[in-house]
Amino acid sequence: MAVNFFGTVARLDGLRPLLLGSPSPRAVLVSSMAALMPSDEELVGLLSAADAWLGGEENTHVCGQIIYVDGGSDVVLRGDAVW
């Protein structure tokens, strides 16, 4: 989340002054196939509120793991050989 969502938002915020000063402003974002999957309303709400909840001290059960928010389709499609 920190790179895919918050990093993207921060990058666009940083580019905003340049885009506003351009006669033809453009920005392109690349997303994963997770955008095609059903979303988790709680997660969307937290991201919209800029709440990095997975990295907070209150998260006591995740350490050095890959968190899938795509329903696991990435690992299913790519298989074990990638990991």
C-alpha atoms as a PDB file:
ATOM      1  CA  MET A   1       0.000   0.000   0.000  1.00  0.00           C
ATOM      2  CA  ALA A   2       2.766   2.412   0.885  1.00  0.00           C
ATOM      3  CA  VAL A   3       4.239   2.374  -2.621  1.00  0.00           C
ATOM      4  CA  ASN A   4       1.257   1.461  -4.793  1.00  0.00           C
ATOM      5  CA  PHE A   5      -1.285   3.841  -3.305  1.00  0.00           C
ATOM      6  CA  PHE A   6       0.351   6.392  -1.034  1.00  0.00           C
ATOM      7  CA  GLY A   7       3.461   6.679  -3.216  1.00  0.00           C
ATOM      8  CA  THR A   8       1.348   7.302  -6.304  1.00  0.00           C
ATOM      9  CA  VAL A   9      -0.744   9.945  -4.558  1.00  0.00           C
ATOM     10  CA  ALA A  10       2.388  11.651  -3.207  1.00  0.00           C
ATOM     11  CA  ARG A  11       3.980  11.622  -6.663  1.00  0.00           C
ATOM     12  CA  LEU A  12       0.931  13.237  -8.248  1.00  0.00           C
ATOM     13  CA  ASP A  13       0.762  15.811  -5.458  1.00  0.00           C
ATOM     14  CA  GLY A  14       4.405  16.649  -6.164  1.00  0.00           C
ATOM     15  CA  LEU A  15       3.774  16.953  -9.894  1.00  0.00           C
ATOM     16  CA  ARG A  16       0.687  19.109  -9.458  1.00  0.00           C
ATOM     17  CA  PRO A  17       2.515  22.480  -9.599  1.00  0.00           C
ATOM     18  CA  LEU A  18       4.267  21.448 -12.808  1.00  0.00           C
ATOM     19  CA  LEU A  19       1.052  20.143 -14.331  1.00  0.00           C
ATOM     20  CA  LEU A  20      -0.789  23.350 -13.445  1.00  0.00           C
ATOM     21  CA  GLY A  21       1.900  25.376 -15.206  1.00  0.00           C
ATOM     22  CA  SER A  22       1.865  23.305 -18.377  1.00  0.00           C
ATOM     23  CA  PRO A  23      -0.155  24.241 -21.464  1.00  0.00           C
ATOM     24  CA  SER A  24      -0.981  20.546 -21.947  1.00  0.00           C
ATOM     25  CA  PRO A  25      -0.771  18.799 -18.555  1.00  0.00           C
ATOM     26  CA  ARG A  26      -0.851  15.018 -18.448  1.00  0.00           C
ATOM     27  CA  ALA A  27      -0.184  12.290 -15.925  1.00  0.00           C
ATOM     28  CA  VAL A  28      -0.385   8.549 -16.458  1.00  0.00           C
ATOM     29  CA  LEU A  29      -0.870   6.026 -13.663  1.00  0.00           C
ATOM     30  CA  VAL A  30      -0.341   2.315 -14.085  1.00  0.00           C
ATOM     31  CA  SER A  31      -2.413  -0.014 -11.961  1.00  0.00           C
ATOM     32  CA  SER A  32      -2.458  -3.719 -11.352  1.00  0.00           C
ATOM     33  CA  MET A  33      -5.234  -6.098 -12.290  1.00  0.00           C
ATOM     34  CA  ALA A  34      -6.450  -5.744  -8.708  1.00  0.00           C
ATOM     35  CA  ALA A  35      -8.362  -2.694  -9.912  1.00  0.00           C
ATOM     36  CA  LEU A  36     -10.608  -5.081 -11.837  1.00  0.00           C
ATOM     37  CA  MET A  37     -11.486  -7.108  -8.749  1.00  0.00           C
ATOM     38  CA  PRO A  38     -14.251  -6.324  -6.267  1.00  0.00           C
ATOM     39  CA  SER A  39     -13.010  -3.872  -3.658  1.00  0.00           C
ATOM     40  CA  ASP A  40     -13.120  -3.943   0.111  1.00  0.00           C
ATOM     41  CA  GLU A  41     -15.148  -0.937   1.278  1.00  0.00           C
ATOM     42  CA  GLU A  42     -13.241  -0.679   4.567  1.00  0.00           C
ATOM     43  CA  LEU A  43      -9.889  -0.645   2.742  1.00  0.00           C
ATOM     44  CA  VAL A  44     -11.085   1.945   0.220  1.00  0.00           C
ATOM     45  CA  GLY A  45     -12.291   4.125   3.090  1.00  0.00           C
ATOM     46  CA  LEU A  46      -8.970   3.854   4.902  1.00  0.00           C
ATOM     47  CA  LEU A  47      -6.994   4.668   1.767  1.00  0.00           C
ATOM     48  CA  SER A  48      -9.265   7.601   0.975  1.00  0.00           C
ATOM     49  CA  ALA A  49      -8.615   8.901   4.487  1.00  0.00           C
ATOM     50  CA  ALA A  50      -4.838   8.477   3.908  1.00  0.00           C
ATOM     51  CA  ASP A  51      -4.711   5.900   6.721  1.00  0.00           C
ATOM     52  CA  ALA A  52      -1.721   3.555   6.317  1.00  0.00           C
ATOM     53  CA  TRP A  53      -3.216   1.020   8.691  1.00  0.00           C
ATOM     54  CA  LEU A  54      -1.021  -1.953   7.700  1.00  0.00           C
ATOM     55  CA  GLY A  55       2.107  -0.078   8.776  1.00  0.00           C
ATOM     56  CA  GLY A  56       0.766   1.116  12.113  1.00  0.00           C
ATOM     57  CA  GLU A  57       1.753  -0.122  15.555  1.00  0.00           C
ATOM     58  CA  GLU A  58      -1.744  -1.516  16.084  1.00  0.00           C
ATOM     59  CA  ASN A  59      -1.100  -4.103  13.363  1.00  0.00           C
ATOM     60  CA  THR A  60       0.471  -6.890  15.428  1.00  0.00           C
ATOM     61  CA  HIS A  61      -0.023  -9.829  13.059  1.00  0.00           C
ATOM     62  CA  VAL A  62       1.719  -8.880   9.814  1.00  0.00           C
ATOM     63  CA  CYS A  63       5.513  -8.915   9.583  1.00  0.00           C
ATOM     64  CA  GLY A  64       7.437  -9.354   6.342  1.00  0.00           C
ATOM     65  CA  GLN A  65       4.517 -10.817   4.428  1.00  0.00           C
ATOM     66  CA  ILE A  66       3.004 -10.032   1.065  1.00  0.00           C
ATOM     67  CA  ILE A  67      -0.511  -8.730   1.575  1.00  0.00           C
ATOM     68  CA  TYR A  68      -2.867  -9.491  -1.289  1.00  0.00           C
ATOM     69  CA  VAL A  69      -5.832  -7.194  -1.764  1.00  0.00           C
ATOM     70  CA  ASP A  70      -6.668  -8.715  -5.119  1.00  0.00           C
ATOM     71  CA  GLY A  71      -8.403 -11.792  -3.774  1.00  0.00           C
ATOM     72  CA  GLY A  72      -5.189 -13.775  -4.329  1.00  0.00           C
ATOM     73  CA  SER A  73      -5.508 -13.761  -8.120  1.00  0.00           C
ATOM     74  CA  ASP A  74      -1.895 -12.611  -8.617  1.00  0.00           C
ATOM     75  CA  VAL A  75      -0.438 -15.609  -6.805  1.00  0.00           C
ATOM     76  CA  VAL A  76      -2.898 -17.974  -8.505  1.00  0.00           C
ATOM     77  CA  LEU A  77      -2.135 -16.676 -11.999  1.00  0.00           C
ATOM     78  CA  ARG A  78       1.633 -16.446 -11.548  1.00  0.00           C
ATOM     79  CA  GLY A  79       2.095 -19.640  -9.580  1.00  0.00           C
ATOM     80  CA  ASP A  80       4.651 -20.748  -7.000  1.00  0.00           C
ATOM     81  CA  ALA A  81       7.673 -20.482  -9.311  1.00  0.00           C
ATOM     82  CA  VAL A  82       7.687 -16.689  -9.003  1.00  0.00           C
ATOM     83  CA  TRP A  83       8.038 -16.765  -5.227  1.00  0.00           C
END
